[in-house]
Amino acid sequence: QVQLVESGGGLVQAGGSLRLSCEASGRTLSNYIMGWFRQAPGKEREFVAAIRWSGGTTYYADSVKGRFTISRDNSKNTVYLQMNNLKPEDTALYYCAAGPVTTVSPTVYKYWGQGTQVTASS
């Protein structure tokens, strides 16, 4: 079993920055893909970014390319999402997830955190 705990959300003005953290515990995640998803009220959960735990290859949604950076610290079993130049449309509940393959579909990811709220005010 895997436990994922997100932190780092908050309220910032448009143009500001936040860094989300996702600490993993339980079974080894060396063969997993770690992803960040977000869900705004009344909308479907959408892919934001992902990283291969082994090797560090990264993937981004077009809407966040150039503004968000995903990274991992193997020694801390933690994945980060650095979010710069936040926009009001980035406001959502952000989730960390772990899955077996690289995909933008949330249904493939097996383990999920509880979510952390990010709000960018205009």
Protein backbone atom coordinates (compact mmCIF):
# COMPACT_ATOMS: atom_id res chain seq x y z
CA GLN A 1 0.00 0.00 0.00
CA VAL A 2 1.10 3.57 -0.70
CA GLN A 3 0.22 6.71 1.21
CA LEU A 4 0.53 10.14 -0.42
CA VAL A 5 0.31 13.37 1.58
CA GLU A 6 0.21 16.75 -0.18
CA SER A 7 1.08 20.10 1.35
CA GLY A 8 1.94 23.63 0.29
CA GLY A 9 -1.33 24.94 -1.07
CA GLY A 10 -2.62 28.39 -0.24
CA LEU A 11 -3.94 31.73 -1.44
CA VAL A 12 -1.77 33.94 -3.65
CA GLN A 13 -2.33 36.86 -5.95
CA ALA A 14 -2.19 36.29 -9.69
CA GLY A 15 1.43 36.24 -10.78
CA GLY A 16 2.57 34.72 -7.52
CA SER A 17 4.21 31.36 -6.80
CA LEU A 18 3.60 28.29 -4.68
CA ARG A 19 5.42 24.99 -4.25
CA LEU A 20 3.41 21.87 -3.59
CA SER A 21 4.94 18.81 -1.95
CA CYS A 22 3.81 15.19 -2.04
CA GLU A 23 5.43 12.86 0.46
CA ALA A 24 5.10 9.16 -0.29
CA SER A 25 5.31 6.27 2.14
CA GLY A 26 4.66 2.56 2.02
CA ARG A 27 5.84 0.34 -0.78
CA THR A 28 8.66 1.35 -3.10
CA LEU A 29 7.71 3.69 -5.91
CA SER A 30 10.80 3.26 -8.08
CA ASN A 31 8.75 1.83 -10.97
CA TYR A 32 5.89 4.31 -10.67
CA ILE A 33 4.89 7.49 -12.41
CA MET A 34 4.09 10.35 -10.03
CA GLY A 35 1.49 12.77 -11.27
CA TRP A 36 -0.19 16.00 -10.25
CA PHE A 37 -3.84 16.55 -11.14
CA ARG A 38 -6.25 19.34 -10.33
CA GLN A 39 -9.99 19.71 -10.09
CA ALA A 40 -11.92 22.97 -10.03
CA PRO A 41 -15.55 23.13 -8.82
CA GLY A 42 -17.91 21.77 -11.46
CA LYS A 43 -15.08 20.53 -13.67
CA GLU A 44 -13.46 17.19 -14.31
CA ARG A 45 -10.14 16.25 -12.79
CA GLU A 46 -7.37 17.20 -15.23
CA PHE A 47 -3.74 16.26 -15.70
CA VAL A 48 -1.14 18.87 -14.76
CA ALA A 49 2.28 17.19 -14.75
CA ALA A 50 4.02 13.87 -14.21
CA ILE A 51 7.50 12.51 -13.56
CA ARG A 52 9.06 9.09 -13.73
CA TRP A 53 10.37 8.24 -10.29
CA SER A 54 13.25 6.38 -11.93
CA GLY A 55 15.07 8.56 -14.44
CA GLY A 56 13.13 11.76 -13.87
CA THR A 57 11.51 12.21 -17.29
CA THR A 58 8.84 14.88 -17.04
CA TYR A 59 5.53 15.56 -18.77
CA TYR A 60 3.32 18.67 -18.69
CA ALA A 61 -0.10 19.81 -19.76
CA ASP A 62 0.09 22.55 -22.37
CA SER A 63 -1.70 24.95 -20.03
CA VAL A 64 1.16 24.90 -17.49
CA LYS A 65 4.25 24.48 -19.68
CA GLY A 66 6.82 27.14 -18.93
CA ARG A 67 5.16 28.06 -15.62
CA PHE A 68 5.11 24.82 -13.58
CA THR A 69 8.02 22.48 -12.83
CA ILE A 70 7.72 18.98 -11.42
CA SER A 71 10.69 17.41 -9.63
CA ARG A 72 11.46 14.69 -7.11
CA ASP A 73 13.83 14.07 -4.23
CA ASN A 74 14.48 10.36 -3.98
CA SER A 75 16.13 10.67 -0.57
CA LYS A 76 12.97 12.22 0.86
CA ASN A 77 10.44 10.18 -1.16
CA THR A 78 8.92 13.51 -2.11
CA VAL A 79 7.64 14.98 -5.38
CA TYR A 80 7.31 18.72 -5.85
CA LEU A 81 5.31 21.00 -8.10
CA GLN A 82 6.77 24.49 -8.39
CA MET A 83 4.08 26.81 -9.71
CA ASN A 84 5.10 30.25 -10.98
CA ASN A 85 3.10 33.04 -12.57
CA LEU A 86 -0.13 31.60 -11.19
CA LYS A 87 -3.35 32.61 -12.93
CA PRO A 88 -6.92 32.67 -11.58
CA GLU A 89 -7.71 29.72 -13.87
CA ASP A 90 -5.13 27.65 -11.95
CA THR A 91 -7.41 27.77 -8.90
CA ALA A 92 -8.33 24.19 -7.98
CA LEU A 93 -7.83 21.34 -5.56
CA TYR A 94 -4.48 19.78 -6.48
CA TYR A 95 -3.92 16.05 -6.05
CA CYS A 96 -0.80 13.93 -6.08
CA ALA A 97 -1.12 10.45 -7.58
CA ALA A 98 0.99 7.38 -8.33
CA GLY A 99 0.42 5.04 -11.24
CA PRO A 100 2.08 2.31 -13.31
CA VAL A 101 2.25 4.11 -16.66
CA THR A 102 2.55 7.61 -18.03
CA THR A 103 -0.89 8.86 -18.93
CA VAL A 104 -3.07 11.93 -18.58
CA SER A 105 -6.05 9.77 -17.59
CA PRO A 106 -6.71 9.92 -13.84
CA THR A 107 -8.41 6.51 -13.90
CA VAL A 108 -5.09 4.75 -14.45
CA TYR A 109 -3.45 6.15 -11.34
CA LYS A 110 -3.74 3.75 -8.43
CA TYR A 111 -2.90 5.82 -5.36
CA TRP A 112 -4.11 9.33 -4.50
CA GLY A 113 -3.49 11.95 -1.85
CA GLN A 114 -6.21 13.93 -0.14
CA GLY A 115 -5.58 17.13 -2.11
CA THR A 116 -4.40 20.64 -1.29
CA GLN A 117 -6.24 23.82 -2.28
CA VAL A 118 -4.57 26.40 -4.51
CA THR A 119 -6.27 29.74 -5.04
CA ALA A 120 -4.90 32.50 -7.28
CA SER A 121 -6.85 35.71 -6.90
CA SER A 122 -7.13 38.34 -9.62
